[in-house]
Amino acid sequence: MARTEREKMQSGDWYCCLDPELDVLRHAARGAVHQHNIAAPDQNTHLSPPLANLFAAHGSHCFIEAPFHCAYGINISLGDNVYLNAGCTILDSAPVTIGDRCMFGPNVQIYCAQHHKDAVLRSQGQEIALPVTVGHDVWIGGGAIIMPGVSIGDRAIIGAGSVVLRDVTTGTTVVGSPARALAS
């Protein structure tokens, strides 16, 4: 039996993002994100109900500043005491796992989808989704971009504006574009 585009996406295979089932999931995410983003400030003391119900999992005392954007939401898992500052975007076509006590500066972006390099296949919506994992106690500075397939170790620091193309080991500070470890 042929697999659906969602099944292909979730298994890390090439899939077509121009798919009715995926459209429905993205539409649901847009609705939840919209409700979160228009909620009165005193209503968002922690993770708003629309996002809490959308995400795969979340710990206690998570806070996401508005505006926020995600592609699906169903692939996002947050640990305890996670803080995402205003303007964060998570394009979660693959699992995005964020550990306990992580802090993201404003406009941090996490991308999971990698579009096909062949222009014809790319125009047909072909992409592959690679997971992103952020360990515990990670600090990601404002405007940083985390690319598909990257894992960031516990206690790492990602400098503001960095573009992270490769895994970051535990306790390492990286800066720049592409991000490189600071000499100790």
C-alpha atoms as a PDB file:
ATOM      1  CA  MET A   1       0.000   0.000   0.000  1.00  0.00           C
ATOM      2  CA  ALA A   2       1.279   3.465  -0.875  1.00  0.00           C
ATOM      3  CA  ARG A   3       2.282   5.700   2.022  1.00  0.00           C
ATOM      4  CA  THR A   4       0.747   9.129   2.491  1.00  0.00           C
ATOM      5  CA  GLU A   5       2.857  12.269   2.184  1.00  0.00           C
ATOM      6  CA  ARG A   6       2.475  12.722   5.962  1.00  0.00           C
ATOM      7  CA  GLU A   7       3.821   9.211   6.578  1.00  0.00           C
ATOM      8  CA  LYS A   8       6.771   9.921   4.292  1.00  0.00           C
ATOM      9  CA  MET A   9       7.413  13.240   6.066  1.00  0.00           C
ATOM     10  CA  GLN A  10       7.291  11.618   9.503  1.00  0.00           C
ATOM     11  CA  SER A  11       9.654   8.819   8.480  1.00  0.00           C
ATOM     12  CA  GLY A  12      12.295  11.224   7.147  1.00  0.00           C
ATOM     13  CA  ASP A  13      11.779  10.330   3.477  1.00  0.00           C
ATOM     14  CA  TRP A  14      11.268  12.672   0.529  1.00  0.00           C
ATOM     15  CA  TYR A  15       7.657  13.835   0.401  1.00  0.00           C
ATOM     16  CA  CYS A  16       5.485  16.397  -1.367  1.00  0.00           C
ATOM     17  CA  CYS A  17       4.536  19.310   0.886  1.00  0.00           C
ATOM     18  CA  LEU A  18       1.760  20.256  -1.586  1.00  0.00           C
ATOM     19  CA  ASP A  19      -0.670  17.754  -0.096  1.00  0.00           C
ATOM     20  CA  PRO A  20      -4.278  18.109   1.143  1.00  0.00           C
ATOM     21  CA  GLU A  21      -3.662  16.269   4.443  1.00  0.00           C
ATOM     22  CA  LEU A  22      -0.633  18.443   5.208  1.00  0.00           C
ATOM     23  CA  ASP A  23      -2.663  21.533   4.228  1.00  0.00           C
ATOM     24  CA  VAL A  24      -5.257  20.613   6.886  1.00  0.00           C
ATOM     25  CA  LEU A  25      -2.541  20.222   9.547  1.00  0.00           C
ATOM     26  CA  ARG A  26      -0.949  23.554   8.618  1.00  0.00           C
ATOM     27  CA  HIS A  27      -4.367  25.233   8.705  1.00  0.00           C
ATOM     28  CA  ALA A  28      -4.987  23.898  12.234  1.00  0.00           C
ATOM     29  CA  ALA A  29      -1.578  25.219  13.307  1.00  0.00           C
ATOM     30  CA  ARG A  30      -2.326  28.654  11.827  1.00  0.00           C
ATOM     31  CA  GLY A  31      -5.556  28.773  13.831  1.00  0.00           C
ATOM     32  CA  ALA A  32      -3.856  27.857  17.110  1.00  0.00           C
ATOM     33  CA  VAL A  33      -0.998  30.295  16.458  1.00  0.00           C
ATOM     34  CA  HIS A  34      -3.460  33.075  15.621  1.00  0.00           C
ATOM     35  CA  GLN A  35      -5.376  32.487  18.868  1.00  0.00           C
ATOM     36  CA  HIS A  36      -2.104  32.542  20.808  1.00  0.00           C
ATOM     37  CA  ASN A  37      -0.873  35.703  19.094  1.00  0.00           C
ATOM     38  CA  ILE A  38      -4.078  37.708  19.708  1.00  0.00           C
ATOM     39  CA  ALA A  39      -4.584  36.658  23.340  1.00  0.00           C
ATOM     40  CA  ALA A  40      -4.472  39.451  25.885  1.00  0.00           C
ATOM     41  CA  PRO A  41      -1.068  39.663  27.612  1.00  0.00           C
ATOM     42  CA  ASP A  42      -2.542  38.709  30.995  1.00  0.00           C
ATOM     43  CA  GLN A  43      -4.002  35.520  29.457  1.00  0.00           C
ATOM     44  CA  ASN A  44      -0.581  34.206  28.422  1.00  0.00           C
ATOM     45  CA  THR A  45       0.961  33.583  31.821  1.00  0.00           C
ATOM     46  CA  HIS A  46       2.433  30.309  30.560  1.00  0.00           C
ATOM     47  CA  LEU A  47       1.837  28.229  27.452  1.00  0.00           C
ATOM     48  CA  SER A  48      -1.482  29.303  25.901  1.00  0.00           C
ATOM     49  CA  PRO A  49      -4.176  26.596  25.625  1.00  0.00           C
ATOM     50  CA  PRO A  50      -4.252  26.666  21.797  1.00  0.00           C
ATOM     51  CA  LEU A  51      -0.529  25.866  21.609  1.00  0.00           C
ATOM     52  CA  ALA A  52      -0.608  23.468  24.558  1.00  0.00           C
ATOM     53  CA  ASN A  53      -3.289  21.462  22.755  1.00  0.00           C
ATOM     54  CA  LEU A  54      -1.418  21.571  19.444  1.00  0.00           C
ATOM     55  CA  PHE A  55       2.109  20.610  20.540  1.00  0.00           C
ATOM     56  CA  ALA A  56       3.224  16.983  20.788  1.00  0.00           C
ATOM     57  CA  ALA A  57       4.331  17.534  24.394  1.00  0.00           C
ATOM     58  CA  HIS A  58       5.177  20.305  26.802  1.00  0.00           C
ATOM     59  CA  GLY A  59       6.502  20.582  30.321  1.00  0.00           C
ATOM     60  CA  SER A  60       5.434  22.963  33.038  1.00  0.00           C
ATOM     61  CA  HIS A  61       6.063  26.705  33.138  1.00  0.00           C
ATOM     62  CA  CYS A  62       6.689  27.223  29.417  1.00  0.00           C
ATOM     63  CA  PHE A  63       6.206  30.709  28.018  1.00  0.00           C
ATOM     64  CA  ILE A  64       5.999  31.726  24.383  1.00  0.00           C
ATOM     65  CA  GLU A  65       5.895  35.444  23.626  1.00  0.00           C
ATOM     66  CA  ALA A  66       3.709  36.631  20.784  1.00  0.00           C
ATOM     67  CA  PRO A  67       4.106  36.723  17.912  1.00  0.00           C
ATOM     68  CA  PHE A  68       5.017  33.083  17.384  1.00  0.00           C
ATOM     69  CA  HIS A  69       4.799  30.913  14.274  1.00  0.00           C
ATOM     70  CA  CYS A  70       5.028  27.195  13.629  1.00  0.00           C
ATOM     71  CA  ALA A  71       4.272  25.082  10.559  1.00  0.00           C
ATOM     72  CA  TYR A  72       2.461  22.138  12.174  1.00  0.00           C
ATOM     73  CA  GLY A  73       2.971  22.345  15.943  1.00  0.00           C
ATOM     74  CA  ILE A  74       2.296  18.616  16.272  1.00  0.00           C
ATOM     75  CA  ASN A  75       6.028  17.892  16.028  1.00  0.00           C
ATOM     76  CA  ILE A  76       7.108  20.298  18.796  1.00  0.00           C
ATOM     77  CA  SER A  77       8.037  19.020  22.271  1.00  0.00           C
ATOM     78  CA  LEU A  78       9.064  21.414  25.028  1.00  0.00           C
ATOM     79  CA  GLY A  79      10.678  20.575  28.363  1.00  0.00           C
ATOM     80  CA  ASP A  80      10.021  22.414  31.628  1.00  0.00           C
ATOM     81  CA  ASN A  81      10.665  26.157  32.003  1.00  0.00           C
ATOM     82  CA  VAL A  82      11.194  26.895  28.311  1.00  0.00           C
ATOM     83  CA  TYR A  83      11.074  30.551  27.236  1.00  0.00           C
ATOM     84  CA  LEU A  84      10.705  31.630  23.595  1.00  0.00           C
ATOM     85  CA  ASN A  85      10.952  35.367  23.055  1.00  0.00           C
ATOM     86  CA  ALA A  86       8.873  37.333  20.520  1.00  0.00           C
ATOM     87  CA  GLY A  87       9.073  36.449  16.861  1.00  0.00           C
ATOM     88  CA  CYS A  88      10.268  32.854  17.168  1.00  0.00           C
ATOM     89  CA  THR A  89       9.492  30.596  14.203  1.00  0.00           C
ATOM     90  CA  ILE A  90       9.624  26.797  14.286  1.00  0.00           C
ATOM     91  CA  LEU A  91       9.044  25.086  10.942  1.00  0.00           C
ATOM     92  CA  ASP A  92       8.429  21.665  12.425  1.00  0.00           C
ATOM     93  CA  SER A  93       7.987  19.297   9.515  1.00  0.00           C
ATOM     94  CA  ALA A  94      10.106  16.899  11.624  1.00  0.00           C
ATOM     95  CA  PRO A  95      10.323  16.521  15.407  1.00  0.00           C
ATOM     96  CA  VAL A  96      11.682  19.556  17.258  1.00  0.00           C
ATOM     97  CA  THR A  97      12.643  18.732  20.824  1.00  0.00           C
ATOM     98  CA  ILE A  98      13.606  21.554  23.185  1.00  0.00           C
ATOM     99  CA  GLY A  99      14.969  20.560  26.595  1.00  0.00           C
ATOM    100  CA  ASP A 100      14.370  21.956  30.070  1.00  0.00           C
ATOM    101  CA  ARG A 101      15.303  25.544  30.981  1.00  0.00           C
ATOM    102  CA  CYS A 102      16.081  26.682  27.422  1.00  0.00           C
ATOM    103  CA  MET A 103      15.885  30.360  26.561  1.00  0.00           C
ATOM    104  CA  PHE A 104      15.481  31.667  23.013  1.00  0.00           C
ATOM    105  CA  GLY A 105      16.049  35.319  22.153  1.00  0.00           C
ATOM    106  CA  PRO A 106      13.731  37.197  19.819  1.00  0.00           C
ATOM    107  CA  ASN A 107      13.345  36.006  16.227  1.00  0.00           C
ATOM    108  CA  VAL A 108      15.069  32.645  16.677  1.00  0.00           C
ATOM    109  CA  GLN A 109      14.232  30.356  13.770  1.00  0.00           C
ATOM    110  CA  ILE A 110      14.305  26.570  13.600  1.00  0.00           C
ATOM    111  CA  TYR A 111      13.945  24.940  10.180  1.00  0.00           C
ATOM    112  CA  CYS A 112      13.372  21.219   9.627  1.00  0.00           C
ATOM    113  CA  ALA A 113      12.502  21.116   5.926  1.00  0.00           C
ATOM    114  CA  GLN A 114      15.174  20.913   3.297  1.00  0.00           C
ATOM    115  CA  HIS A 115      13.845  21.522  -0.205  1.00  0.00           C
ATOM    116  CA  HIS A 116      15.053  19.446  -3.132  1.00  0.00           C
ATOM    117  CA  LYS A 117      18.138  20.777  -4.930  1.00  0.00           C
ATOM    118  CA  ASP A 118      16.701  19.787  -8.333  1.00  0.00           C
ATOM    119  CA  ALA A 119      14.658  22.803  -9.495  1.00  0.00           C
ATOM    120  CA  VAL A 120      11.942  20.691 -11.155  1.00  0.00           C
ATOM    121  CA  LEU A 121      11.433  18.510  -8.064  1.00  0.00           C
ATOM    122  CA  ARG A 122      11.584  21.580  -5.818  1.00  0.00           C
ATOM    123  CA  SER A 123       8.825  23.261  -7.880  1.00  0.00           C
ATOM    124  CA  GLN A 124       6.739  20.104  -7.361  1.00  0.00           C
ATOM    125  CA  GLY A 125       6.999  20.538  -3.570  1.00  0.00           C
ATOM    126  CA  GLN A 126       9.582  17.833  -2.890  1.00  0.00           C
ATOM    127  CA  GLU A 127      11.336  18.208   0.459  1.00  0.00           C
ATOM    128  CA  ILE A 128      12.773  16.111   3.250  1.00  0.00           C
ATOM    129  CA  ALA A 129      12.328  16.813   6.958  1.00  0.00           C
ATOM    130  CA  LEU A 130      15.206  16.445   9.405  1.00  0.00           C
ATOM    131  CA  PRO A 131      14.699  16.663  13.193  1.00  0.00           C
ATOM    132  CA  VAL A 132      16.200  19.369  15.403  1.00  0.00           C
ATOM    133  CA  THR A 133      17.118  18.667  19.008  1.00  0.00           C
ATOM    134  CA  VAL A 134      18.027  21.298  21.596  1.00  0.00           C
ATOM    135  CA  GLY A 135      19.405  19.948  24.891  1.00  0.00           C
ATOM    136  CA  HIS A 136      18.805  21.245  28.417  1.00  0.00           C
ATOM    137  CA  ASP A 137      19.894  24.696  29.653  1.00  0.00           C
ATOM    138  CA  VAL A 138      20.620  26.004  26.144  1.00  0.00           C
ATOM    139  CA  TRP A 139      20.628  29.720  25.416  1.00  0.00           C
ATOM    140  CA  ILE A 140      20.011  30.780  21.814  1.00  0.00           C
ATOM    141  CA  GLY A 141      20.616  34.454  21.062  1.00  0.00           C
ATOM    142  CA  GLY A 142      18.246  36.618  19.054  1.00  0.00           C
ATOM    143  CA  GLY A 143      18.042  36.114  15.324  1.00  0.00           C
ATOM    144  CA  ALA A 144      19.879  32.783  15.347  1.00  0.00           C
ATOM    145  CA  ILE A 145      18.881  30.228  12.714  1.00  0.00           C
ATOM    146  CA  ILE A 146      19.047  26.495  13.409  1.00  0.00           C
ATOM    147  CA  MET A 147      19.113  24.458  10.204  1.00  0.00           C
ATOM    148  CA  PRO A 148      17.589  20.995   9.501  1.00  0.00           C
ATOM    149  CA  GLY A 149      19.098  17.995  11.273  1.00  0.00           C
ATOM    150  CA  VAL A 150      21.062  19.945  13.888  1.00  0.00           C
ATOM    151  CA  SER A 151      21.465  18.748  17.493  1.00  0.00           C
ATOM    152  CA  ILE A 152      22.563  21.201  20.174  1.00  0.00           C
ATOM    153  CA  GLY A 153      24.071  19.754  23.347  1.00  0.00           C
ATOM    154  CA  ASP A 154      23.197  20.647  26.934  1.00  0.00           C
ATOM    155  CA  ARG A 155      24.423  24.021  28.252  1.00  0.00           C
ATOM    156  CA  ALA A 156      25.459  25.230  24.789  1.00  0.00           C
ATOM    157  CA  ILE A 157      25.219  28.895  23.842  1.00  0.00           C
ATOM    158  CA  ILE A 158      24.348  30.029  20.323  1.00  0.00           C
ATOM    159  CA  GLY A 159      25.377  33.637  19.699  1.00  0.00           C
ATOM    160  CA  ALA A 160      22.892  36.166  18.357  1.00  0.00           C
ATOM    161  CA  GLY A 161      22.595  36.091  14.577  1.00  0.00           C
ATOM    162  CA  SER A 162      24.425  32.772  14.220  1.00  0.00           C
ATOM    163  CA  VAL A 163      23.492  30.295  11.487  1.00  0.00           C
ATOM    164  CA  VAL A 164      23.936  26.790  12.884  1.00  0.00           C
ATOM    165  CA  LEU A 165      24.622  24.255  10.126  1.00  0.00           C
ATOM    166  CA  ARG A 166      26.249  21.498  12.221  1.00  0.00           C
ATOM    167  CA  ASP A 167      25.753  19.868  15.599  1.00  0.00           C
ATOM    168  CA  VAL A 168      26.927  21.802  18.656  1.00  0.00           C
ATOM    169  CA  THR A 169      28.550  19.778  21.436  1.00  0.00           C
ATOM    170  CA  THR A 170      27.664  20.038  25.113  1.00  0.00           C
ATOM    171  CA  GLY A 171      28.819  23.235  26.796  1.00  0.00           C
ATOM    172  CA  THR A 172      30.122  24.832  23.586  1.00  0.00           C
ATOM    173  CA  THR A 173      29.545  28.454  22.568  1.00  0.00           C
ATOM    174  CA  VAL A 174      29.193  29.053  18.837  1.00  0.00           C
ATOM    175  CA  VAL A 175      28.916  32.343  16.943  1.00  0.00           C
ATOM    176  CA  GLY A 176      28.815  33.572  13.371  1.00  0.00           C
ATOM    177  CA  SER A 177      27.584  32.476   9.984  1.00  0.00           C
ATOM    178  CA  PRO A 178      28.274  29.670   9.658  1.00  0.00           C
ATOM    179  CA  ALA A 179      28.455  29.179  13.416  1.00  0.00           C
ATOM    180  CA  ARG A 180      31.862  28.187  14.775  1.00  0.00           C
ATOM    181  CA  ALA A 181      33.011  27.378  18.288  1.00  0.00           C
ATOM    182  CA  LEU A 182      34.688  30.157  20.239  1.00  0.00           C
ATOM    183  CA  ALA A 183      38.230  29.394  21.349  1.00  0.00           C
ATOM    184  CA  SER A 184      38.375  28.761  25.082  1.00  0.00           C
END
